[in-house]
Structures are given as structure tokens and as C-alpha cells.
Amino acid sequence: MAAPQAPGPDRQWQFDVIVADGFVLTELAGVVDVLRIANRVCPRPLFSYTYRSLRGGPVASRARAYVETEPVTRQPRADYLFVIGNTDPDHPDLALTRVISDYTHRGAQVYLLAEAASRYIKDKGAEGHATHWENTSFLRERGAGFDANYSIATEHGPVVTCAGMGATVDVTLAVIGRHVSGAARMTVADIMLHENIRDFSSLQPFSGIKATATGDDKLDQCIKIMQANIEDPVPINEIVAALDLSNRSLERKFKTFLGTTPNGFYREMRLAKANNLLMNTTLSVREIGLACGFPNGFSAIYKSVYGVTPFALRRQRRTAGAR
């Protein structure tokens, strides 16, 4: 499904997060912490989120943490909906066929996690969808003539079914990756100490499959070299020599997996680090430029990507913080 149209300069991407009573706290954090950190590393907050439930009011997780929710509306305005289940796919709060239809009818993409995915699979008799591997027994007990898909997520038009738990972070990173650069997305993952970003086709860990950050070992190695050499960037021709690749082969890998060029990705990675330093340290703009491999022209390069100079960004942040 194509991503929703880009919002205007003053609008954010809206996420509605529906929680059922006894929801899984790990999955809630896997959504909102990714959005929260992405807002911190981007030049302006791009994402907003609202907690919702069928009836509104406080809803408790199984860990006894509560969130205050707003009731689900028949006319949702969100770009994305995440539904976080509990340990019971039969729970009445997961009977959301009409709610899902309301969202997809208005162009939102819907992400159903773990038990919420299992309930959808059962209600729809839908084959080829993903859910947490533990829920396969639930589907068998309900007479499903097939096993759930063991990937971390599967996309079927506007509905994405997901394994949930720790894979929620990977799924949310994939969503924000539609609206931020690859380097910014990787910065969010690094802040979360999330070492490998898995794509939807990655198998759930119980299968014993070794994960990679991008799905390509050579590309992973290249990115590690770049990450280790932010202050003093390594020329691309030296990287390809170290990896025993041709320039053309590396360019093809970057285009296939990340939709950019090696030089473009390296620059974005360094700018993402610079952006983080601008917002979270008192280093001068010149010091930040030097620390991120921009000995000259840092302000102009930063503005060409983020649309604002480093000085103006800091001024905006100070003004916002004073309100």
C-alpha cells in the first residue's frame, strides 16, 4: 500500500494506538518510543500519537501500567493505526472488524500486533498473515486449516499483521522510514540500542535465522565502517576495496536496500549525528561540524537537507522550550 500523502509544513503524521485491557507494555513502547525519539532527532516533530480504546478512559497493561485513552471514533483522522492486544485473542476488546474498516476506508494503514493479528486472522479466515509464533496453537484450536506466517510482519493491502513483542520496534522503524531518511531511521535505532533493523520478511527468532541490519552482509559491513568513521569519513573507494567489492556493486546494494547512494547515505548518517548533537549538547556549530566530518560548509549542507540552518534550529528549540 502506498504511504499517505505528505503532510503540510505544520501537520504531523498521526498515529492512533488502540490498546485492549491487559495490553502488552513492550509493544506499546515499541511504537511510541520510536515515534518519540524520531521527533527528537528530526529538525521538527513529524509524528503525533493518541492512545485509544473502545470505551475511552484508563486502560491497564498486564504489568499494571495505565494509559489514559480516548474512545475510538467512527470518523478517524489518523494516517496509521496500531492495535495492541493482550494475551487473549478472544478478548472482546479485539473484536475490531468495524473499527479496522473505518480506518482503512479513510486511507489509513492498520497494523495489528500479535493477539490482535490472531483475532483478525480468525475472524477473516485470512491465510498468509503473520502473528506471534505462540498464537499458532490458538488458530489450530479455532479450526484454521493453515498455520500463521512466521515472518515478523506481512502486508495485505491496507492491513499489516505483525508478530508484536520486540519486533514491534522493527515494524515502527519501517513505518517512520517512509518519512525520514535512512540515516535518521538508523539513528533512532542506535539510540534505542536496537542493533539490527529487520524487514518484514525476516523470520521470527525462534527459527534460528541470523538477522542482519539490512539483509545483506556486505552492506552491513559497509555501514559499520561508516558508523565507526563519522569524524573522519573514509572515501568510498577505500571502503569498496576493504570489502572486496566494485563501486558499481556497492551502489546497487545501497539502491536496492536503502534507496540511496553510498555517498548520500554516508552524508545523511553524519548529518543525523550532527542533528542529535545540535539538540542535545552545548557544542558550538563549528565543533559539531568537525565532529561529524564537515570541516567546511557545514551550515550550508545542513540547510540543504533540513531546510533550516543549525543556528536557526537551535533558536527554534530554545523558543519552543521557553513556552
C-alpha atoms as a PDB file:
ATOM      1  CA  MET A   1       0.000   0.000   0.000  1.00  0.00           C
ATOM      2  CA  ALA A   2       1.345   3.441  -0.882  1.00  0.00           C
ATOM      3  CA  ALA A   3       2.153   5.704   2.036  1.00  0.00           C
ATOM      4  CA  PRO A   4      -0.350   8.503   2.740  1.00  0.00           C
ATOM      5  CA  GLN A   5       0.303  11.823   1.063  1.00  0.00           C
ATOM      6  CA  ALA A   6       2.913  14.006   2.730  1.00  0.00           C
ATOM      7  CA  PRO A   7       1.505  16.360   5.353  1.00  0.00           C
ATOM      8  CA  GLY A   8       1.798  20.135   5.048  1.00  0.00           C
ATOM      9  CA  PRO A   9       4.599  22.002   6.819  1.00  0.00           C
ATOM     10  CA  ASP A  10       2.551  22.372  10.016  1.00  0.00           C
ATOM     11  CA  ARG A  11       0.921  18.918  10.092  1.00  0.00           C
ATOM     12  CA  GLN A  12       2.310  15.755  11.586  1.00  0.00           C
ATOM     13  CA  TRP A  13       1.754  12.110  10.740  1.00  0.00           C
ATOM     14  CA  GLN A  14      -0.939  10.962  13.166  1.00  0.00           C
ATOM     15  CA  PHE A  15      -0.798   7.532  14.790  1.00  0.00           C
ATOM     16  CA  ASP A  16      -3.765   6.147  16.709  1.00  0.00           C
ATOM     17  CA  VAL A  17      -2.774   3.394  19.142  1.00  0.00           C
ATOM     18  CA  ILE A  18      -5.675   1.207  20.313  1.00  0.00           C
ATOM     19  CA  VAL A  19      -4.982  -0.737  23.495  1.00  0.00           C
ATOM     20  CA  ALA A  20      -7.047  -3.589  24.890  1.00  0.00           C
ATOM     21  CA  ASP A  21      -7.370  -4.249  28.613  1.00  0.00           C
ATOM     22  CA  GLY A  22      -4.253  -6.136  29.707  1.00  0.00           C
ATOM     23  CA  PHE A  23      -2.249  -4.859  26.725  1.00  0.00           C
ATOM     24  CA  VAL A  24       1.414  -5.775  26.247  1.00  0.00           C
ATOM     25  CA  LEU A  25       3.563  -2.908  27.514  1.00  0.00           C
ATOM     26  CA  THR A  26       6.562  -3.955  25.405  1.00  0.00           C
ATOM     27  CA  GLU A  27       4.510  -3.446  22.253  1.00  0.00           C
ATOM     28  CA  LEU A  28       3.211  -0.038  23.314  1.00  0.00           C
ATOM     29  CA  ALA A  29       6.772   1.116  23.960  1.00  0.00           C
ATOM     30  CA  GLY A  30       7.847  -0.360  20.623  1.00  0.00           C
ATOM     31  CA  VAL A  31       5.500   2.070  18.884  1.00  0.00           C
ATOM     32  CA  VAL A  32       5.569   5.271  20.927  1.00  0.00           C
ATOM     33  CA  ASP A  33       9.257   5.274  21.861  1.00  0.00           C
ATOM     34  CA  VAL A  34      10.256   5.028  18.202  1.00  0.00           C
ATOM     35  CA  LEU A  35       7.961   7.968  17.380  1.00  0.00           C
ATOM     36  CA  ARG A  36       9.147   9.979  20.363  1.00  0.00           C
ATOM     37  CA  ILE A  37      12.844   9.507  19.573  1.00  0.00           C
ATOM     38  CA  ALA A  38      12.267  10.196  15.860  1.00  0.00           C
ATOM     39  CA  ASN A  39      10.711  13.531  16.817  1.00  0.00           C
ATOM     40  CA  ARG A  40      13.822  14.300  18.852  1.00  0.00           C
ATOM     41  CA  VAL A  41      16.323  13.571  16.085  1.00  0.00           C
ATOM     42  CA  CYS A  42      14.398  15.249  13.248  1.00  0.00           C
ATOM     43  CA  PRO A  43      14.550  19.024  12.704  1.00  0.00           C
ATOM     44  CA  ARG A  44      10.875  19.284  13.605  1.00  0.00           C
ATOM     45  CA  PRO A  45       8.490  16.787  15.235  1.00  0.00           C
ATOM     46  CA  LEU A  46       6.985  14.717  12.419  1.00  0.00           C
ATOM     47  CA  PHE A  47       4.832  12.294  14.393  1.00  0.00           C
ATOM     48  CA  SER A  48       1.987  12.536  16.876  1.00  0.00           C
ATOM     49  CA  TYR A  49       0.069   9.775  18.592  1.00  0.00           C
ATOM     50  CA  THR A  50      -3.154   9.287  20.526  1.00  0.00           C
ATOM     51  CA  TYR A  51      -3.984   6.399  22.834  1.00  0.00           C
ATOM     52  CA  ARG A  52      -7.448   4.985  22.161  1.00  0.00           C
ATOM     53  CA  SER A  53      -9.684   2.184  23.387  1.00  0.00           C
ATOM     54  CA  LEU A  54     -13.231   1.083  22.614  1.00  0.00           C
ATOM     55  CA  ARG A  55     -14.703   2.963  25.572  1.00  0.00           C
ATOM     56  CA  GLY A  56     -12.029   5.502  26.477  1.00  0.00           C
ATOM     57  CA  GLY A  57     -10.677   6.141  29.961  1.00  0.00           C
ATOM     58  CA  PRO A  58      -7.784   4.449  31.766  1.00  0.00           C
ATOM     59  CA  VAL A  59      -6.655   1.063  30.441  1.00  0.00           C
ATOM     60  CA  ALA A  60      -4.220  -1.166  32.328  1.00  0.00           C
ATOM     61  CA  SER A  61      -1.458  -3.331  30.929  1.00  0.00           C
ATOM     62  CA  ARG A  62      -0.713  -6.738  32.419  1.00  0.00           C
ATOM     63  CA  ALA A  63       2.259  -5.052  34.078  1.00  0.00           C
ATOM     64  CA  ARG A  64      -0.241  -2.746  35.867  1.00  0.00           C
ATOM     65  CA  ALA A  65       0.898   0.350  33.990  1.00  0.00           C
ATOM     66  CA  TYR A  66      -2.039   2.513  32.935  1.00  0.00           C
ATOM     67  CA  VAL A  67      -2.574   4.773  29.958  1.00  0.00           C
ATOM     68  CA  GLU A  68      -5.378   7.306  29.630  1.00  0.00           C
ATOM     69  CA  THR A  69      -7.241   6.719  26.371  1.00  0.00           C
ATOM     70  CA  GLU A  70      -9.733   8.499  24.190  1.00  0.00           C
ATOM     71  CA  PRO A  71     -12.643   6.500  22.752  1.00  0.00           C
ATOM     72  CA  VAL A  72     -12.458   5.174  19.204  1.00  0.00           C
ATOM     73  CA  THR A  73     -14.269   7.414  16.742  1.00  0.00           C
ATOM     74  CA  ARG A  74     -16.308   6.432  13.691  1.00  0.00           C
ATOM     75  CA  GLN A  75     -14.538   9.114  11.647  1.00  0.00           C
ATOM     76  CA  PRO A  76     -10.831   8.624  12.349  1.00  0.00           C
ATOM     77  CA  ARG A  77      -8.311  11.112  11.018  1.00  0.00           C
ATOM     78  CA  ALA A  78      -5.170   9.100  11.643  1.00  0.00           C
ATOM     79  CA  ASP A  79      -2.658   8.139   8.971  1.00  0.00           C
ATOM     80  CA  TYR A  80      -1.755   4.944  10.827  1.00  0.00           C
ATOM     81  CA  LEU A  81      -3.492   2.694  13.335  1.00  0.00           C
ATOM     82  CA  PHE A  82      -1.652   0.284  15.634  1.00  0.00           C
ATOM     83  CA  VAL A  83      -3.753  -2.215  17.601  1.00  0.00           C
ATOM     84  CA  ILE A  84      -2.033  -3.701  20.648  1.00  0.00           C
ATOM     85  CA  GLY A  85      -3.585  -6.861  22.014  1.00  0.00           C
ATOM     86  CA  ASN A  86      -3.202  -8.777  25.250  1.00  0.00           C
ATOM     87  CA  THR A  87      -2.674 -12.470  25.929  1.00  0.00           C
ATOM     88  CA  ASP A  88      -6.226 -13.439  24.899  1.00  0.00           C
ATOM     89  CA  PRO A  89      -7.171 -13.333  21.202  1.00  0.00           C
ATOM     90  CA  ASP A  90     -10.772 -13.997  22.258  1.00  0.00           C
ATOM     91  CA  HIS A  91     -10.933 -10.821  24.345  1.00  0.00           C
ATOM     92  CA  PRO A  92     -13.973  -8.693  23.312  1.00  0.00           C
ATOM     93  CA  ASP A  93     -11.781  -5.570  23.005  1.00  0.00           C
ATOM     94  CA  LEU A  94     -10.162  -7.209  19.984  1.00  0.00           C
ATOM     95  CA  ALA A  95     -13.442  -7.527  18.058  1.00  0.00           C
ATOM     96  CA  LEU A  96     -12.440  -4.628  15.815  1.00  0.00           C
ATOM     97  CA  THR A  97     -13.608  -5.547  12.316  1.00  0.00           C
ATOM     98  CA  ARG A  98     -15.761  -2.427  12.007  1.00  0.00           C
ATOM     99  CA  VAL A  99     -13.084  -0.196  13.535  1.00  0.00           C
ATOM    100  CA  ILE A 100     -10.450  -1.515  11.140  1.00  0.00           C
ATOM    101  CA  SER A 101     -12.815  -0.878   8.245  1.00  0.00           C
ATOM    102  CA  ASP A 102     -13.422   2.698   9.424  1.00  0.00           C
ATOM    103  CA  TYR A 103      -9.688   3.390   9.349  1.00  0.00           C
ATOM    104  CA  THR A 104      -8.884   1.688   6.051  1.00  0.00           C
ATOM    105  CA  HIS A 105     -11.895   3.354   4.391  1.00  0.00           C
ATOM    106  CA  ARG A 106     -10.332   6.717   5.225  1.00  0.00           C
ATOM    107  CA  GLY A 107      -6.949   5.752   3.811  1.00  0.00           C
ATOM    108  CA  ALA A 108      -5.112   4.753   6.989  1.00  0.00           C
ATOM    109  CA  GLN A 109      -2.816   1.774   7.149  1.00  0.00           C
ATOM    110  CA  VAL A 110      -3.584  -0.608  10.011  1.00  0.00           C
ATOM    111  CA  TYR A 111      -1.019  -2.614  11.993  1.00  0.00           C
ATOM    112  CA  LEU A 112      -2.347  -5.490  14.104  1.00  0.00           C
ATOM    113  CA  LEU A 113       0.071  -6.878  16.672  1.00  0.00           C
ATOM    114  CA  ALA A 114       0.249 -10.452  17.988  1.00  0.00           C
ATOM    115  CA  GLU A 115      -3.146 -11.369  19.522  1.00  0.00           C
ATOM    116  CA  ALA A 116      -4.863  -8.572  17.594  1.00  0.00           C
ATOM    117  CA  ALA A 117      -3.453 -10.163  14.430  1.00  0.00           C
ATOM    118  CA  SER A 118      -4.597 -13.628  15.539  1.00  0.00           C
ATOM    119  CA  ARG A 119      -8.131 -12.380  16.121  1.00  0.00           C
ATOM    120  CA  TYR A 120      -8.187 -10.754  12.679  1.00  0.00           C
ATOM    121  CA  ILE A 121      -6.887 -13.938  11.038  1.00  0.00           C
ATOM    122  CA  LYS A 122      -9.584 -15.992  12.789  1.00  0.00           C
ATOM    123  CA  ASP A 123     -12.415 -13.558  12.035  1.00  0.00           C
ATOM    124  CA  LYS A 124     -11.423 -13.171   8.389  1.00  0.00           C
ATOM    125  CA  GLY A 125     -10.256 -16.723   7.750  1.00  0.00           C
ATOM    126  CA  ALA A 126      -7.224 -14.991   6.295  1.00  0.00           C
ATOM    127  CA  GLU A 127      -4.300 -17.147   5.166  1.00  0.00           C
ATOM    128  CA  GLY A 128      -0.721 -15.924   4.837  1.00  0.00           C
ATOM    129  CA  HIS A 129      -0.857 -13.417   7.691  1.00  0.00           C
ATOM    130  CA  ALA A 130       1.699 -13.098  10.495  1.00  0.00           C
ATOM    131  CA  THR A 131       1.210 -13.338  14.239  1.00  0.00           C
ATOM    132  CA  HIS A 132       3.439 -14.289  17.141  1.00  0.00           C
ATOM    133  CA  TRP A 133       4.515 -17.921  16.788  1.00  0.00           C
ATOM    134  CA  GLU A 134       2.920 -18.800  20.151  1.00  0.00           C
ATOM    135  CA  ASN A 135      -0.511 -17.961  18.720  1.00  0.00           C
ATOM    136  CA  THR A 136      -0.392 -20.693  16.098  1.00  0.00           C
ATOM    137  CA  SER A 137      -1.977 -23.095  18.601  1.00  0.00           C
ATOM    138  CA  PHE A 138      -4.866 -20.659  19.034  1.00  0.00           C
ATOM    139  CA  LEU A 139      -5.554 -20.721  15.309  1.00  0.00           C
ATOM    140  CA  ARG A 140      -5.404 -24.516  15.204  1.00  0.00           C
ATOM    141  CA  GLU A 141      -7.855 -24.757  18.097  1.00  0.00           C
ATOM    142  CA  ARG A 142     -10.240 -22.494  16.193  1.00  0.00           C
ATOM    143  CA  GLY A 143     -10.199 -24.857  13.237  1.00  0.00           C
ATOM    144  CA  ALA A 144      -7.935 -22.894  10.910  1.00  0.00           C
ATOM    145  CA  GLY A 145      -6.726 -25.149   8.133  1.00  0.00           C
ATOM    146  CA  PHE A 146      -3.369 -23.376   7.932  1.00  0.00           C
ATOM    147  CA  ASP A 147      -0.554 -22.068  10.112  1.00  0.00           C
ATOM    148  CA  ALA A 148       0.206 -18.390  10.509  1.00  0.00           C
ATOM    149  CA  ASN A 149       3.106 -16.925   8.575  1.00  0.00           C
ATOM    150  CA  TYR A 150       6.296 -16.963  10.661  1.00  0.00           C
ATOM    151  CA  SER A 151       7.722 -13.685   9.349  1.00  0.00           C
ATOM    152  CA  ILE A 152       7.701 -10.694  11.703  1.00  0.00           C
ATOM    153  CA  ALA A 153       5.025  -8.972   9.595  1.00  0.00           C
ATOM    154  CA  THR A 154       3.004  -9.395   6.411  1.00  0.00           C
ATOM    155  CA  GLU A 155       1.309  -6.684   4.397  1.00  0.00           C
ATOM    156  CA  HIS A 156      -2.028  -7.327   2.699  1.00  0.00           C
ATOM    157  CA  GLY A 157      -3.253  -4.081   1.190  1.00  0.00           C
ATOM    158  CA  PRO A 158      -4.059  -1.628   3.977  1.00  0.00           C
ATOM    159  CA  VAL A 159      -3.741  -4.226   6.761  1.00  0.00           C
ATOM    160  CA  VAL A 160      -0.403  -5.377   8.167  1.00  0.00           C
ATOM    161  CA  THR A 161      -0.365  -8.268  10.630  1.00  0.00           C
ATOM    162  CA  CYS A 162       2.629  -8.434  12.921  1.00  0.00           C
ATOM    163  CA  ALA A 163       4.322 -10.739  15.422  1.00  0.00           C
ATOM    164  CA  GLY A 164       4.449  -7.980  18.048  1.00  0.00           C
ATOM    165  CA  MET A 165       6.746  -8.096  21.108  1.00  0.00           C
ATOM    166  CA  GLY A 166      10.290  -6.911  20.237  1.00  0.00           C
ATOM    167  CA  ALA A 167       9.535  -6.979  16.500  1.00  0.00           C
ATOM    168  CA  THR A 168       7.208  -4.010  17.091  1.00  0.00           C
ATOM    169  CA  VAL A 169      10.280  -1.777  17.056  1.00  0.00           C
ATOM    170  CA  ASP A 170      11.283  -3.085  13.616  1.00  0.00           C
ATOM    171  CA  VAL A 171       7.776  -2.532  12.267  1.00  0.00           C
ATOM    172  CA  THR A 172       7.551   1.022  13.600  1.00  0.00           C
ATOM    173  CA  LEU A 173      11.022   1.822  12.272  1.00  0.00           C
ATOM    174  CA  ALA A 174       9.807   0.621   8.862  1.00  0.00           C
ATOM    175  CA  VAL A 175       6.843   2.989   9.073  1.00  0.00           C
ATOM    176  CA  ILE A 176       8.856   6.075  10.007  1.00  0.00           C
ATOM    177  CA  GLY A 177      11.331   5.108   7.292  1.00  0.00           C
ATOM    178  CA  ARG A 178       8.725   6.294   4.785  1.00  0.00           C
ATOM    179  CA  HIS A 179       9.025   9.828   6.120  1.00  0.00           C
ATOM    180  CA  VAL A 180      12.621  10.225   7.348  1.00  0.00           C
ATOM    181  CA  SER A 181      15.978   9.473   5.766  1.00  0.00           C
ATOM    182  CA  GLY A 182      17.614   6.087   6.123  1.00  0.00           C
ATOM    183  CA  ALA A 183      20.308   7.635   8.282  1.00  0.00           C
ATOM    184  CA  ALA A 184      17.757   9.271  10.602  1.00  0.00           C
ATOM    185  CA  ARG A 185      15.949   5.955  10.967  1.00  0.00           C
ATOM    186  CA  MET A 186      19.217   4.240  11.832  1.00  0.00           C
ATOM    187  CA  THR A 187      19.976   6.967  14.385  1.00  0.00           C
ATOM    188  CA  VAL A 188      16.672   6.215  16.109  1.00  0.00           C
ATOM    189  CA  ALA A 189      17.581   2.514  16.183  1.00  0.00           C
ATOM    190  CA  ASP A 190      21.036   3.317  17.561  1.00  0.00           C
ATOM    191  CA  ILE A 191      19.598   5.455  20.365  1.00  0.00           C
ATOM    192  CA  MET A 192      17.315   2.548  21.271  1.00  0.00           C
ATOM    193  CA  LEU A 193      20.348   0.196  21.160  1.00  0.00           C
ATOM    194  CA  HIS A 194      18.424  -1.778  18.546  1.00  0.00           C
ATOM    195  CA  GLU A 195      21.323  -3.314  16.666  1.00  0.00           C
ATOM    196  CA  ASN A 196      19.643  -4.951  13.674  1.00  0.00           C
ATOM    197  CA  ILE A 197      16.647  -3.482  11.848  1.00  0.00           C
ATOM    198  CA  ARG A 198      14.717  -6.412  10.397  1.00  0.00           C
ATOM    199  CA  ASP A 199      12.486  -6.167   7.354  1.00  0.00           C
ATOM    200  CA  PHE A 200       9.002  -7.667   7.310  1.00  0.00           C
ATOM    201  CA  SER A 201      10.146 -10.898   5.666  1.00  0.00           C
ATOM    202  CA  SER A 202      12.599 -11.699   8.479  1.00  0.00           C
ATOM    203  CA  LEU A 203      11.630 -14.864  10.319  1.00  0.00           C
ATOM    204  CA  GLN A 204      10.779 -14.727  13.997  1.00  0.00           C
ATOM    205  CA  PRO A 205      13.836 -15.529  16.181  1.00  0.00           C
ATOM    206  CA  PHE A 206      12.651 -18.953  17.333  1.00  0.00           C
ATOM    207  CA  SER A 207      13.513 -20.203  13.840  1.00  0.00           C
ATOM    208  CA  GLY A 208      17.209 -19.669  14.497  1.00  0.00           C
ATOM    209  CA  ILE A 209      17.706 -17.443  11.465  1.00  0.00           C
ATOM    210  CA  LYS A 210      20.584 -14.980  11.901  1.00  0.00           C
ATOM    211  CA  ALA A 211      19.395 -11.411  11.417  1.00  0.00           C
ATOM    212  CA  THR A 212      21.301  -8.634   9.694  1.00  0.00           C
ATOM    213  CA  ALA A 213      20.815  -4.877   9.840  1.00  0.00           C
ATOM    214  CA  THR A 214      19.899  -4.566   6.158  1.00  0.00           C
ATOM    215  CA  GLY A 215      19.507  -8.112   4.850  1.00  0.00           C
ATOM    216  CA  ASP A 216      22.901  -8.013   3.126  1.00  0.00           C
ATOM    217  CA  ASP A 217      26.144  -8.885   4.965  1.00  0.00           C
ATOM    218  CA  LYS A 218      28.440  -6.736   2.787  1.00  0.00           C
ATOM    219  CA  LEU A 219      26.124  -3.767   3.157  1.00  0.00           C
ATOM    220  CA  ASP A 220      26.091  -4.296   6.924  1.00  0.00           C
ATOM    221  CA  GLN A 221      29.890  -4.238   6.943  1.00  0.00           C
ATOM    222  CA  CYS A 222      29.953  -1.068   4.872  1.00  0.00           C
ATOM    223  CA  ILE A 223      27.571   0.719   7.249  1.00  0.00           C
ATOM    224  CA  LYS A 224      29.645  -0.368  10.271  1.00  0.00           C
ATOM    225  CA  ILE A 225      32.727   1.160   8.648  1.00  0.00           C
ATOM    226  CA  MET A 226      30.788   4.393   8.068  1.00  0.00           C
ATOM    227  CA  GLN A 227      29.473   4.425  11.644  1.00  0.00           C
ATOM    228  CA  ALA A 228      32.985   3.968  13.012  1.00  0.00           C
ATOM    229  CA  ASN A 229      34.331   6.839  10.891  1.00  0.00           C
ATOM    230  CA  ILE A 230      31.933   9.755  11.349  1.00  0.00           C
ATOM    231  CA  GLU A 231      34.518  12.404  12.266  1.00  0.00           C
ATOM    232  CA  ASP A 232      36.985  11.439   9.541  1.00  0.00           C
ATOM    233  CA  PRO A 233      34.945   9.940   6.665  1.00  0.00           C
ATOM    234  CA  VAL A 234      36.517   7.114   4.700  1.00  0.00           C
ATOM    235  CA  PRO A 235      36.426   7.567   0.902  1.00  0.00           C
ATOM    236  CA  ILE A 236      34.011   5.166  -0.765  1.00  0.00           C
ATOM    237  CA  ASN A 237      36.743   3.710  -2.982  1.00  0.00           C
ATOM    238  CA  GLU A 238      38.652   2.667   0.163  1.00  0.00           C
ATOM    239  CA  ILE A 239      35.527   1.070   1.618  1.00  0.00           C
ATOM    240  CA  VAL A 240      34.844  -0.999  -1.507  1.00  0.00           C
ATOM    241  CA  ALA A 241      38.478  -2.101  -1.543  1.00  0.00           C
ATOM    242  CA  ALA A 242      38.223  -3.249   2.077  1.00  0.00           C
ATOM    243  CA  LEU A 243      35.015  -5.162   1.267  1.00  0.00           C
ATOM    244  CA  ASP A 244      36.405  -6.627  -1.975  1.00  0.00           C
ATOM    245  CA  LEU A 245      33.525  -5.112  -3.956  1.00  0.00           C
ATOM    246  CA  SER A 246      33.275  -2.898  -7.010  1.00  0.00           C
ATOM    247  CA  ASN A 247      31.858   0.614  -6.782  1.00  0.00           C
ATOM    248  CA  ARG A 248      29.001  -0.466  -9.021  1.00  0.00           C
ATOM    249  CA  SER A 249      28.136  -3.450  -6.817  1.00  0.00           C
ATOM    250  CA  LEU A 250      28.051  -1.301  -3.654  1.00  0.00           C
ATOM    251  CA  GLU A 251      25.933   1.341  -5.384  1.00  0.00           C
ATOM    252  CA  ARG A 252      23.486  -1.359  -6.464  1.00  0.00           C
ATOM    253  CA  LYS A 253      23.213  -2.674  -2.889  1.00  0.00           C
ATOM    254  CA  PHE A 254      22.518   0.801  -1.494  1.00  0.00           C
ATOM    255  CA  LYS A 255      19.926   1.458  -4.170  1.00  0.00           C
ATOM    256  CA  THR A 256      18.195  -1.900  -3.615  1.00  0.00           C
ATOM    257  CA  PHE A 257      18.101  -1.932   0.182  1.00  0.00           C
ATOM    258  CA  LEU A 258      18.165   1.746   1.153  1.00  0.00           C
ATOM    259  CA  GLY A 259      17.026   3.669  -1.913  1.00  0.00           C
ATOM    260  CA  THR A 260      20.058   5.955  -1.990  1.00  0.00           C
ATOM    261  CA  THR A 261      23.747   6.102  -2.929  1.00  0.00           C
ATOM    262  CA  PRO A 262      26.699   5.232  -0.676  1.00  0.00           C
ATOM    263  CA  ASN A 263      27.854   8.857  -0.550  1.00  0.00           C
ATOM    264  CA  GLY A 264      24.309  10.076   0.033  1.00  0.00           C
ATOM    265  CA  PHE A 265      23.760   7.623   2.885  1.00  0.00           C
ATOM    266  CA  TYR A 266      27.125   8.450   4.479  1.00  0.00           C
ATOM    267  CA  ARG A 267      26.332  12.163   4.359  1.00  0.00           C
ATOM    268  CA  GLU A 268      22.846  11.607   5.827  1.00  0.00           C
ATOM    269  CA  MET A 269      24.310   9.475   8.623  1.00  0.00           C
ATOM    270  CA  ARG A 270      26.772  12.208   9.535  1.00  0.00           C
ATOM    271  CA  LEU A 271      24.068  14.873   9.349  1.00  0.00           C
ATOM    272  CA  ALA A 272      21.790  12.775  11.572  1.00  0.00           C
ATOM    273  CA  LYS A 273      24.588  12.595  14.157  1.00  0.00           C
ATOM    274  CA  ALA A 274      25.103  16.341  13.814  1.00  0.00           C
ATOM    275  CA  ASN A 275      21.397  16.934  14.306  1.00  0.00           C
ATOM    276  CA  ASN A 276      21.453  14.904  17.506  1.00  0.00           C
ATOM    277  CA  LEU A 277      24.430  16.875  18.815  1.00  0.00           C
ATOM    278  CA  LEU A 278      22.742  20.178  17.947  1.00  0.00           C
ATOM    279  CA  MET A 279      19.693  19.351  20.030  1.00  0.00           C
ATOM    280  CA  ASN A 280      21.325  17.535  22.929  1.00  0.00           C
ATOM    281  CA  THR A 281      24.714  19.171  23.562  1.00  0.00           C
ATOM    282  CA  THR A 282      26.170  22.652  24.041  1.00  0.00           C
ATOM    283  CA  LEU A 283      28.900  22.103  21.445  1.00  0.00           C
ATOM    284  CA  SER A 284      29.281  25.002  19.024  1.00  0.00           C
ATOM    285  CA  VAL A 285      28.041  24.610  15.473  1.00  0.00           C
ATOM    286  CA  ARG A 286      31.641  24.557  14.234  1.00  0.00           C
ATOM    287  CA  GLU A 287      32.605  21.869  16.762  1.00  0.00           C
ATOM    288  CA  ILE A 288      29.642  19.766  15.674  1.00  0.00           C
ATOM    289  CA  GLY A 289      30.565  20.151  12.012  1.00  0.00           C
ATOM    290  CA  LEU A 290      34.109  18.973  12.722  1.00  0.00           C
ATOM    291  CA  ALA A 291      32.879  16.070  14.879  1.00  0.00           C
ATOM    292  CA  CYS A 292      30.684  14.857  12.024  1.00  0.00           C
ATOM    293  CA  GLY A 293      33.169  15.121   9.179  1.00  0.00           C
ATOM    294  CA  PHE A 294      32.211  18.566   7.826  1.00  0.00           C
ATOM    295  CA  PRO A 295      35.312  20.752   8.219  1.00  0.00           C
ATOM    296  CA  ASN A 296      33.876  23.296   5.775  1.00  0.00           C
ATOM    297  CA  GLY A 297      30.402  24.381   4.677  1.00  0.00           C
ATOM    298  CA  PHE A 298      28.511  22.513   7.414  1.00  0.00           C
ATOM    299  CA  SER A 299      25.733  25.100   7.779  1.00  0.00           C
ATOM    300  CA  ALA A 300      25.016  25.197   4.043  1.00  0.00           C
ATOM    301  CA  ILE A 301      24.982  21.393   3.749  1.00  0.00           C
ATOM    302  CA  TYR A 302      22.719  21.092   6.804  1.00  0.00           C
ATOM    303  CA  LYS A 303      20.276  23.660   5.419  1.00  0.00           C
ATOM    304  CA  SER A 304      20.151  21.926   2.016  1.00  0.00           C
ATOM    305  CA  VAL A 305      18.832  18.776   3.737  1.00  0.00           C
ATOM    306  CA  TYR A 306      16.802  20.075   6.693  1.00  0.00           C
ATOM    307  CA  GLY A 307      15.620  23.383   5.244  1.00  0.00           C
ATOM    308  CA  VAL A 308      16.964  25.427   8.148  1.00  0.00           C
ATOM    309  CA  THR A 309      20.433  26.415   9.350  1.00  0.00           C
ATOM    310  CA  PRO A 310      21.880  24.855  12.510  1.00  0.00           C
ATOM    311  CA  PHE A 311      21.742  28.251  14.234  1.00  0.00           C
ATOM    312  CA  ALA A 312      18.073  28.731  13.322  1.00  0.00           C
ATOM    313  CA  LEU A 313      17.225  25.216  14.555  1.00  0.00           C
ATOM    314  CA  ARG A 314      18.773  25.894  17.954  1.00  0.00           C
ATOM    315  CA  ARG A 315      16.949  29.218  18.164  1.00  0.00           C
ATOM    316  CA  GLN A 316      13.627  27.492  17.359  1.00  0.00           C
ATOM    317  CA  ARG A 317      14.240  24.844  20.008  1.00  0.00           C
ATOM    318  CA  ARG A 318      15.115  27.444  22.654  1.00  0.00           C
ATOM    319  CA  THR A 319      11.982  29.428  21.807  1.00  0.00           C
ATOM    320  CA  ALA A 320       9.797  26.312  21.986  1.00  0.00           C
ATOM    321  CA  GLY A 321      11.336  25.297  25.309  1.00  0.00           C
ATOM    322  CA  ALA A 322      10.645  28.716  26.816  1.00  0.00           C
ATOM    323  CA  ARG A 323       6.907  28.485  26.161  1.00  0.00           C
END
